[in-house]
Amino acid sequence: MNIYFLVAAGLSHFALLLHFFMGGREVARPLLKATELSKTCQFTNYYCWHLVTISLALIAVVFSLHLYSPLSTDLILAVSTLMLLYGVWSLVMIVVHKLNPFQFGQWTVLLPIGVLGFCGVYLG
């Protein structure tokens, strides 16, 4: 069994749970209560929150399935690239908007998943 994919799968599930429970409490619920936002802005952002949920779930499934029945490395590279890009975008937002890197810490989970995916393909 490829240890890189095993850890990537575990971290992907952790990211999904973190997003669902912590993000639901700290992002989704307050967003829905934000009366100063227009309905279009409010529900577009809420929709995007759910798109992230779906993406994280799909990525967790892909890494997990690959452990039991190897999938195309192209698919693994695609989801790994997504995680790297999501993580890099998190860092860009931190720099551009002068955010606290640990209060906006998505990068701490997303980047390692992407790196592990690439390691699994090229080193595993």
Protein backbone atom coordinates (compact mmCIF):
# COMPACT_ATOMS: atom_id res chain seq x y z
CA MET A 1 0.00 0.00 0.00
CA ASN A 2 1.28 3.44 -0.94
CA ILE A 3 1.82 5.33 2.33
CA TYR A 4 1.61 8.71 0.56
CA PHE A 5 -1.90 7.92 -0.70
CA LEU A 6 -2.91 6.51 2.68
CA VAL A 7 -1.92 9.72 4.48
CA ALA A 8 -3.44 11.87 1.69
CA ALA A 9 -6.71 9.94 2.04
CA GLY A 10 -6.72 10.41 5.82
CA LEU A 11 -5.93 14.12 5.57
CA SER A 12 -8.59 14.53 2.87
CA HIS A 13 -11.23 13.05 5.15
CA PHE A 14 -9.96 15.24 8.00
CA ALA A 15 -10.19 18.33 5.76
CA LEU A 16 -13.75 17.41 4.80
CA LEU A 17 -14.81 16.94 8.42
CA LEU A 18 -13.08 20.15 9.48
CA HIS A 19 -14.74 22.07 6.66
CA PHE A 20 -18.15 20.57 7.39
CA PHE A 21 -18.21 21.02 11.16
CA MET A 22 -15.93 23.99 11.82
CA GLY A 23 -16.70 25.75 8.56
CA GLY A 24 -20.40 25.20 9.08
CA ARG A 25 -20.24 26.82 12.50
CA GLU A 26 -17.79 29.62 11.69
CA VAL A 27 -18.61 30.39 8.06
CA ALA A 28 -21.89 28.99 6.74
CA ARG A 29 -24.17 29.80 9.69
CA PRO A 30 -22.91 33.38 10.15
CA LEU A 31 -23.14 33.90 6.40
CA LEU A 32 -26.81 32.95 6.43
CA LYS A 33 -27.41 35.35 9.34
CA ALA A 34 -25.62 38.27 7.64
CA THR A 35 -28.58 40.58 7.03
CA GLU A 36 -26.35 43.34 5.63
CA LEU A 37 -25.61 41.21 2.55
CA SER A 38 -27.92 41.06 -0.43
CA LYS A 39 -29.61 37.70 -1.00
CA THR A 40 -27.58 37.30 -4.19
CA CYS A 41 -24.28 37.82 -2.39
CA GLN A 42 -25.33 35.75 0.62
CA PHE A 43 -26.55 32.73 -1.28
CA THR A 44 -23.83 32.83 -3.94
CA ASN A 45 -21.27 32.55 -1.12
CA TYR A 46 -23.31 29.84 0.57
CA TYR A 47 -23.48 27.99 -2.75
CA CYS A 48 -19.68 28.27 -3.08
CA TRP A 49 -19.26 26.89 0.45
CA HIS A 50 -21.21 23.83 -0.67
CA LEU A 51 -19.13 23.53 -3.85
CA VAL A 52 -16.05 23.30 -1.63
CA THR A 53 -17.79 20.63 0.47
CA ILE A 54 -18.52 18.61 -2.67
CA SER A 55 -14.95 19.06 -3.95
CA LEU A 56 -13.41 17.96 -0.66
CA ALA A 57 -15.69 14.93 -0.49
CA LEU A 58 -14.84 13.90 -4.05
CA ILE A 59 -11.11 14.30 -3.40
CA ALA A 60 -11.37 12.19 -0.22
CA VAL A 61 -13.25 9.50 -2.16
CA VAL A 62 -10.69 9.49 -4.99
CA PHE A 63 -7.73 9.03 -2.64
CA SER A 64 -9.60 6.38 -0.64
CA LEU A 65 -10.70 4.41 -3.71
CA HIS A 66 -7.17 4.51 -5.05
CA LEU A 67 -5.97 2.66 -1.94
CA TYR A 68 -8.19 -0.33 -2.71
CA SER A 69 -8.38 -0.32 -6.47
CA PRO A 70 -5.77 1.84 -8.19
CA LEU A 71 -7.29 4.55 -10.34
CA SER A 72 -5.65 6.42 -13.17
CA THR A 73 -2.65 8.42 -12.03
CA ASP A 74 -4.09 11.25 -14.13
CA LEU A 75 -7.06 11.40 -11.76
CA ILE A 76 -4.76 11.41 -8.71
CA LEU A 77 -2.64 14.16 -10.31
CA ALA A 78 -5.80 16.17 -11.04
CA VAL A 79 -7.08 16.07 -7.45
CA SER A 80 -3.57 16.67 -6.11
CA THR A 81 -3.26 19.72 -8.35
CA LEU A 82 -6.61 20.99 -7.08
CA MET A 83 -5.43 20.67 -3.49
CA LEU A 84 -2.16 22.44 -4.27
CA LEU A 85 -3.99 25.26 -6.04
CA TYR A 86 -6.53 25.59 -3.22
CA GLY A 87 -3.66 25.77 -0.72
CA VAL A 88 -1.67 28.28 -2.76
CA TRP A 89 -4.76 30.46 -3.19
CA SER A 90 -5.19 30.42 0.59
CA LEU A 91 -1.62 31.71 0.97
CA VAL A 92 -2.15 34.36 -1.72
CA MET A 93 -5.22 35.64 0.14
CA ILE A 94 -3.24 35.73 3.40
CA VAL A 95 -0.53 37.86 1.81
CA VAL A 96 -2.77 40.14 -0.25
CA HIS A 97 -5.33 40.77 2.49
CA LYS A 98 -2.88 40.62 5.43
CA LEU A 99 -4.76 37.79 7.14
CA ASN A 100 -3.54 35.77 10.08
CA PRO A 101 -2.11 32.58 8.51
CA PHE A 102 -3.50 30.42 11.31
CA GLN A 103 -6.94 32.00 11.46
CA PHE A 104 -7.11 31.47 7.70
CA GLY A 105 -5.30 28.15 7.88
CA GLN A 106 -6.78 26.11 5.04
CA TRP A 107 -3.33 25.91 3.50
CA THR A 108 -2.05 23.82 6.45
CA VAL A 109 -4.19 20.87 5.36
CA LEU A 110 -4.66 21.43 1.64
CA LEU A 111 -1.01 21.85 0.61
CA PRO A 112 0.15 18.63 2.32
CA ILE A 113 -2.61 16.65 0.60
CA GLY A 114 -1.51 17.94 -2.79
CA VAL A 115 2.16 17.26 -2.06
CA LEU A 116 1.38 13.76 -0.78
CA GLY A 117 -0.61 13.01 -3.92
CA PHE A 118 2.31 13.99 -6.14
CA CYS A 119 4.73 12.05 -3.93
CA GLY A 120 2.48 9.01 -4.17
CA VAL A 121 2.55 9.15 -7.96
CA TYR A 122 6.24 9.91 -8.42
CA LEU A 123 7.88 8.38 -5.33
CA GLY A 124 5.45 5.68 -4.23
